[in-house]
Amino acid sequence: MTAARPPMIPWFWWGGLAFWLGGPAALAQAMNSPWWENYDHRDRYLCSGSGSLVIERNDSQASLISGGTRLTLFREEADAPGLRYRNGDMRLILRDDELTVEQLPRQLTCVRTEQV
């Protein structure tokens, strides 16, 4: 008799940080930002086959939240369409309901599912 294998946990690596893309239960346990960061928007995104994440943002910065991990990125001025936030080699690009998380050559595309 073979022992049951634990479920696959979806992980992805960005800049040495591991993010766990969990389901709704993981998001329910996601951290809340300090009040002084004053994020105007909080959106949940479903990522292509990798799970989901939350983006909190305001005019000057954004936080990517996945499971118990948080990464803060800062607004980047650009002529290209969409809002862009950056932290070192990682960039978030928001265009309408689509989020692109990139650390070249890797890209992860996500779609907004709801405002939370």
N, C-alpha and C. Protein backbone atom coordinates (compact mmCIF):
# COMPACT_ATOMS: atom_id res chain seq x y z
N MET A 1 0.84 -1.18 0.00
CA MET A 1 0.00 0.00 0.00
C MET A 1 0.89 1.24 0.00
N THR A 2 0.57 2.18 -0.88
CA THR A 2 1.37 3.39 -1.01
C THR A 2 0.75 4.51 -0.19
N ALA A 3 1.59 5.24 0.52
CA ALA A 3 1.09 6.37 1.32
C ALA A 3 0.61 7.47 0.40
N ALA A 4 -0.43 8.17 0.85
CA ALA A 4 -0.96 9.28 0.06
C ALA A 4 0.06 10.40 0.01
N ARG A 5 0.22 10.97 -1.17
CA ARG A 5 1.15 12.07 -1.36
C ARG A 5 0.49 13.38 -0.97
N PRO A 6 1.20 14.26 -0.27
CA PRO A 6 0.60 15.56 0.07
C PRO A 6 0.35 16.36 -1.20
N PRO A 7 -0.63 17.28 -1.17
CA PRO A 7 -0.93 18.06 -2.37
C PRO A 7 0.25 18.94 -2.76
N MET A 8 0.35 19.20 -4.05
CA MET A 8 1.40 20.10 -4.55
C MET A 8 1.14 21.51 -4.02
N ILE A 9 2.16 22.15 -3.54
CA ILE A 9 2.03 23.53 -3.09
C ILE A 9 2.64 24.42 -4.16
N PRO A 10 1.83 25.31 -4.74
CA PRO A 10 2.37 26.15 -5.81
C PRO A 10 3.29 27.25 -5.27
N TRP A 11 4.54 27.20 -5.64
CA TRP A 11 5.54 28.18 -5.24
C TRP A 11 6.07 28.87 -6.49
N PHE A 12 6.51 30.08 -6.36
CA PHE A 12 7.32 30.68 -7.39
C PHE A 12 8.34 31.59 -6.75
N TRP A 13 9.48 31.74 -7.39
CA TRP A 13 10.61 32.48 -6.86
C TRP A 13 10.77 33.79 -7.59
N TRP A 14 10.96 34.86 -6.87
CA TRP A 14 11.25 36.17 -7.45
C TRP A 14 12.33 36.82 -6.60
N GLY A 15 13.45 37.07 -7.20
CA GLY A 15 14.53 37.79 -6.50
C GLY A 15 14.94 37.14 -5.19
N GLY A 16 14.95 35.82 -5.15
CA GLY A 16 15.36 35.13 -3.93
C GLY A 16 14.24 34.96 -2.92
N LEU A 17 13.05 35.51 -3.20
CA LEU A 17 11.93 35.34 -2.29
C LEU A 17 11.00 34.27 -2.83
N ALA A 18 10.54 33.42 -1.97
CA ALA A 18 9.58 32.39 -2.39
C ALA A 18 8.19 32.86 -2.01
N PHE A 19 7.28 32.83 -2.95
CA PHE A 19 5.90 33.18 -2.69
C PHE A 19 5.05 31.94 -2.83
N TRP A 20 4.18 31.72 -1.88
CA TRP A 20 3.26 30.61 -1.97
C TRP A 20 1.95 31.16 -2.49
N LEU A 21 1.53 30.65 -3.63
CA LEU A 21 0.27 31.09 -4.19
C LEU A 21 -0.80 30.12 -3.74
N GLY A 22 -1.45 30.46 -2.66
CA GLY A 22 -2.47 29.59 -2.11
C GLY A 22 -3.85 30.02 -2.54
N GLY A 23 -4.83 29.30 -2.10
CA GLY A 23 -6.21 29.60 -2.44
C GLY A 23 -6.81 30.59 -1.46
N PRO A 24 -8.15 30.65 -1.39
CA PRO A 24 -8.83 31.60 -0.52
C PRO A 24 -8.45 31.48 0.94
N ALA A 25 -8.17 30.27 1.41
CA ALA A 25 -7.79 30.11 2.81
C ALA A 25 -6.50 30.86 3.11
N ALA A 26 -5.55 30.80 2.19
CA ALA A 26 -4.29 31.51 2.38
C ALA A 26 -4.51 33.02 2.38
N LEU A 27 -5.40 33.49 1.51
CA LEU A 27 -5.66 34.92 1.46
C LEU A 27 -6.37 35.41 2.71
N ALA A 28 -7.19 34.55 3.28
CA ALA A 28 -7.87 34.94 4.51
C ALA A 28 -6.87 35.19 5.62
N GLN A 29 -5.72 34.52 5.55
CA GLN A 29 -4.69 34.69 6.55
C GLN A 29 -3.66 35.74 6.14
N ALA A 30 -3.85 36.36 4.98
CA ALA A 30 -2.88 37.35 4.49
C ALA A 30 -2.77 38.51 5.47
N MET A 31 -1.61 39.10 5.50
CA MET A 31 -1.36 40.21 6.40
C MET A 31 -2.16 41.44 5.98
N ASN A 32 -2.41 42.30 6.94
CA ASN A 32 -2.99 43.60 6.64
C ASN A 32 -1.88 44.63 6.72
N SER A 33 -1.98 45.63 5.88
CA SER A 33 -0.97 46.69 5.87
C SER A 33 -1.16 47.63 7.05
N PRO A 34 -0.08 48.26 7.49
CA PRO A 34 -0.21 49.27 8.54
C PRO A 34 -1.08 50.44 8.05
N TRP A 35 -1.83 51.05 8.93
CA TRP A 35 -2.76 52.11 8.55
C TRP A 35 -2.05 53.28 7.88
N TRP A 36 -0.81 53.58 8.26
CA TRP A 36 -0.12 54.75 7.72
C TRP A 36 0.27 54.59 6.25
N GLU A 37 0.25 53.37 5.71
CA GLU A 37 0.56 53.20 4.29
C GLU A 37 -0.62 53.63 3.42
N ASN A 38 -1.80 53.70 3.99
CA ASN A 38 -2.97 54.29 3.34
C ASN A 38 -3.19 53.78 1.91
N TYR A 39 -3.31 52.47 1.75
CA TYR A 39 -3.56 51.92 0.42
C TYR A 39 -5.00 52.17 0.01
N ASP A 40 -5.19 52.77 -1.16
CA ASP A 40 -6.52 53.10 -1.66
C ASP A 40 -7.21 51.90 -2.28
N HIS A 41 -6.43 50.97 -2.83
CA HIS A 41 -6.98 49.83 -3.57
C HIS A 41 -6.42 48.53 -3.00
N ARG A 42 -7.27 47.52 -2.96
CA ARG A 42 -6.87 46.17 -2.54
C ARG A 42 -7.60 45.20 -3.46
N ASP A 43 -6.85 44.54 -4.34
CA ASP A 43 -7.44 43.66 -5.35
C ASP A 43 -6.85 42.26 -5.28
N ARG A 44 -7.70 41.27 -5.54
CA ARG A 44 -7.27 39.87 -5.59
C ARG A 44 -7.12 39.47 -7.06
N TYR A 45 -6.05 38.74 -7.37
CA TYR A 45 -5.76 38.30 -8.74
C TYR A 45 -5.59 36.79 -8.77
N LEU A 46 -6.09 36.18 -9.84
CA LEU A 46 -5.90 34.76 -10.10
C LEU A 46 -4.82 34.65 -11.17
N CYS A 47 -3.77 33.88 -10.86
CA CYS A 47 -2.62 33.79 -11.75
C CYS A 47 -2.64 32.49 -12.54
N SER A 48 -2.24 32.56 -13.77
CA SER A 48 -2.31 31.44 -14.72
C SER A 48 -1.76 30.13 -14.16
N GLY A 49 -2.65 29.33 -13.60
CA GLY A 49 -2.27 28.01 -13.11
C GLY A 49 -1.43 28.00 -11.85
N SER A 50 -1.21 29.17 -11.23
CA SER A 50 -0.30 29.23 -10.08
C SER A 50 -0.98 29.59 -8.77
N GLY A 51 -2.26 29.91 -8.78
CA GLY A 51 -2.92 30.30 -7.55
C GLY A 51 -3.34 31.75 -7.60
N SER A 52 -3.38 32.40 -6.45
CA SER A 52 -3.84 33.78 -6.40
C SER A 52 -2.96 34.61 -5.48
N LEU A 53 -3.09 35.93 -5.60
CA LEU A 53 -2.35 36.86 -4.76
C LEU A 53 -3.17 38.13 -4.60
N VAL A 54 -2.75 38.99 -3.68
CA VAL A 54 -3.42 40.26 -3.42
C VAL A 54 -2.43 41.38 -3.67
N ILE A 55 -2.92 42.44 -4.33
CA ILE A 55 -2.13 43.66 -4.51
C ILE A 55 -2.83 44.80 -3.80
N GLU A 56 -2.12 45.45 -2.90
CA GLU A 56 -2.59 46.68 -2.27
C GLU A 56 -1.77 47.80 -2.88
N ARG A 57 -2.41 48.93 -3.20
CA ARG A 57 -1.64 50.00 -3.83
C ARG A 57 -2.23 51.37 -3.56
N ASN A 58 -1.37 52.36 -3.73
CA ASN A 58 -1.77 53.77 -3.74
C ASN A 58 -0.97 54.45 -4.84
N ASP A 59 -0.93 55.76 -4.86
CA ASP A 59 -0.26 56.46 -5.95
C ASP A 59 1.26 56.29 -5.95
N SER A 60 1.85 55.95 -4.80
CA SER A 60 3.30 55.90 -4.76
C SER A 60 3.90 54.52 -4.52
N GLN A 61 3.13 53.56 -4.01
CA GLN A 61 3.69 52.24 -3.77
C GLN A 61 2.62 51.17 -3.82
N ALA A 62 3.08 49.91 -3.90
CA ALA A 62 2.19 48.75 -3.92
C ALA A 62 2.80 47.64 -3.09
N SER A 63 1.96 46.79 -2.53
CA SER A 63 2.41 45.60 -1.81
C SER A 63 1.83 44.38 -2.49
N LEU A 64 2.69 43.41 -2.78
CA LEU A 64 2.28 42.12 -3.31
C LEU A 64 2.21 41.19 -2.10
N ILE A 65 1.04 40.59 -1.87
CA ILE A 65 0.84 39.72 -0.71
C ILE A 65 0.47 38.34 -1.21
N SER A 66 1.21 37.35 -0.75
CA SER A 66 0.93 35.98 -1.12
C SER A 66 1.20 35.10 0.08
N GLY A 67 0.15 34.46 0.62
CA GLY A 67 0.32 33.68 1.84
C GLY A 67 0.77 34.60 2.96
N GLY A 68 1.86 34.29 3.59
CA GLY A 68 2.40 35.13 4.65
C GLY A 68 3.54 36.00 4.21
N THR A 69 3.73 36.16 2.90
CA THR A 69 4.85 36.94 2.37
C THR A 69 4.35 38.24 1.77
N ARG A 70 5.08 39.32 2.03
CA ARG A 70 4.73 40.64 1.49
C ARG A 70 5.99 41.25 0.87
N LEU A 71 5.81 41.87 -0.30
CA LEU A 71 6.89 42.57 -0.97
C LEU A 71 6.38 43.95 -1.35
N THR A 72 7.10 45.00 -0.97
CA THR A 72 6.70 46.37 -1.29
C THR A 72 7.46 46.84 -2.52
N LEU A 73 6.73 47.45 -3.45
CA LEU A 73 7.30 47.98 -4.69
C LEU A 73 6.91 49.45 -4.80
N PHE A 74 7.70 50.24 -5.52
CA PHE A 74 7.46 51.67 -5.60
C PHE A 74 7.11 52.08 -7.02
N ARG A 75 6.28 53.10 -7.13
CA ARG A 75 5.76 53.56 -8.41
C ARG A 75 6.88 53.95 -9.34
N GLU A 76 6.77 53.53 -10.58
CA GLU A 76 7.77 53.80 -11.61
C GLU A 76 7.09 54.60 -12.72
N GLU A 77 7.62 55.76 -13.03
CA GLU A 77 7.08 56.57 -14.12
C GLU A 77 7.55 55.99 -15.44
N ALA A 78 6.61 55.83 -16.38
CA ALA A 78 6.95 55.26 -17.68
C ALA A 78 5.95 55.76 -18.72
N ASP A 79 6.40 55.82 -19.96
CA ASP A 79 5.53 56.22 -21.06
C ASP A 79 4.64 55.07 -21.53
N ALA A 80 5.01 53.85 -21.18
CA ALA A 80 4.24 52.67 -21.59
C ALA A 80 2.89 52.66 -20.86
N PRO A 81 1.88 52.00 -21.45
CA PRO A 81 0.57 51.98 -20.81
C PRO A 81 0.56 51.17 -19.51
N GLY A 82 -0.34 51.53 -18.62
CA GLY A 82 -0.50 50.82 -17.35
C GLY A 82 0.25 51.47 -16.21
N LEU A 83 -0.13 51.08 -14.99
CA LEU A 83 0.58 51.51 -13.79
C LEU A 83 1.71 50.54 -13.55
N ARG A 84 2.89 51.07 -13.20
CA ARG A 84 4.07 50.24 -12.99
C ARG A 84 4.65 50.50 -11.62
N TYR A 85 4.98 49.40 -10.94
CA TYR A 85 5.63 49.46 -9.64
C TYR A 85 6.85 48.57 -9.72
N ARG A 86 7.94 48.98 -9.02
CA ARG A 86 9.20 48.25 -9.16
C ARG A 86 9.93 48.18 -7.82
N ASN A 87 10.64 47.06 -7.65
CA ASN A 87 11.53 46.86 -6.52
C ASN A 87 12.70 46.04 -7.04
N GLY A 88 13.80 46.69 -7.33
CA GLY A 88 14.95 45.98 -7.88
C GLY A 88 14.61 45.43 -9.26
N ASP A 89 14.76 44.13 -9.43
CA ASP A 89 14.50 43.48 -10.71
C ASP A 89 13.03 43.11 -10.92
N MET A 90 12.21 43.20 -9.88
CA MET A 90 10.80 42.81 -10.01
C MET A 90 9.95 44.01 -10.38
N ARG A 91 9.00 43.78 -11.28
CA ARG A 91 8.09 44.85 -11.72
C ARG A 91 6.66 44.31 -11.75
N LEU A 92 5.73 45.13 -11.29
CA LEU A 92 4.30 44.86 -11.43
C LEU A 92 3.76 45.82 -12.47
N ILE A 93 2.97 45.31 -13.41
CA ILE A 93 2.35 46.16 -14.43
C ILE A 93 0.84 45.91 -14.37
N LEU A 94 0.08 46.95 -14.06
CA LEU A 94 -1.37 46.86 -13.97
C LEU A 94 -2.00 47.53 -15.17
N ARG A 95 -2.79 46.78 -15.94
CA ARG A 95 -3.53 47.32 -17.07
C ARG A 95 -4.96 46.81 -16.98
N ASP A 96 -5.88 47.70 -16.67
CA ASP A 96 -7.28 47.32 -16.49
C ASP A 96 -7.38 46.18 -15.47
N ASP A 97 -7.89 45.01 -15.86
CA ASP A 97 -8.04 43.88 -14.94
C ASP A 97 -6.89 42.89 -15.02
N GLU A 98 -5.82 43.24 -15.73
CA GLU A 98 -4.69 42.33 -15.91
C GLU A 98 -3.47 42.81 -15.13
N LEU A 99 -2.83 41.88 -14.45
CA LEU A 99 -1.60 42.15 -13.71
C LEU A 99 -0.50 41.29 -14.32
N THR A 100 0.64 41.90 -14.61
CA THR A 100 1.81 41.15 -15.04
C THR A 100 2.88 41.32 -13.96
N VAL A 101 3.36 40.21 -13.43
CA VAL A 101 4.47 40.20 -12.48
C VAL A 101 5.67 39.72 -13.28
N GLU A 102 6.70 40.56 -13.36
CA GLU A 102 7.85 40.14 -14.16
C GLU A 102 9.16 40.36 -13.45
N GLN A 103 10.01 39.41 -13.66
CA GLN A 103 11.42 39.50 -13.32
C GLN A 103 12.09 38.77 -14.48
N LEU A 104 12.48 39.57 -15.46
CA LEU A 104 12.94 39.01 -16.73
C LEU A 104 14.03 37.98 -16.53
N PRO A 105 13.95 36.88 -17.21
CA PRO A 105 13.09 36.57 -18.35
C PRO A 105 11.74 35.96 -17.96
N ARG A 106 11.40 35.89 -16.67
CA ARG A 106 10.15 35.26 -16.24
C ARG A 106 9.02 36.28 -16.16
N GLN A 107 7.82 35.83 -16.54
CA GLN A 107 6.62 36.65 -16.43
C GLN A 107 5.48 35.78 -15.93
N LEU A 108 4.65 36.37 -15.09
CA LEU A 108 3.46 35.70 -14.58
C LEU A 108 2.29 36.63 -14.87
N THR A 109 1.26 36.12 -15.54
CA THR A 109 0.10 36.93 -15.88
C THR A 109 -1.06 36.53 -14.97
N CYS A 110 -1.72 37.54 -14.42
CA CYS A 110 -2.84 37.32 -13.50
C CYS A 110 -4.02 38.19 -13.91
N VAL A 111 -5.22 37.75 -13.52
CA VAL A 111 -6.45 38.49 -13.84
C VAL A 111 -7.15 38.85 -12.55
N ARG A 112 -7.63 40.09 -12.44
CA ARG A 112 -8.32 40.52 -11.22
C ARG A 112 -9.64 39.78 -11.10
N THR A 113 -9.87 39.23 -9.91
CA THR A 113 -11.12 38.51 -9.67
C THR A 113 -12.08 39.33 -8.82
N GLU A 114 -11.55 40.17 -7.94
CA GLU A 114 -12.44 40.99 -7.10
C GLU A 114 -11.62 42.02 -6.34
N GLN A 115 -12.35 43.03 -5.87
CA GLN A 115 -11.75 43.99 -4.96
C GLN A 115 -12.04 43.48 -3.56
N VAL A 116 -11.01 43.48 -2.71
CA VAL A 116 -11.18 42.95 -1.36
C VAL A 116 -10.95 44.02 -0.32
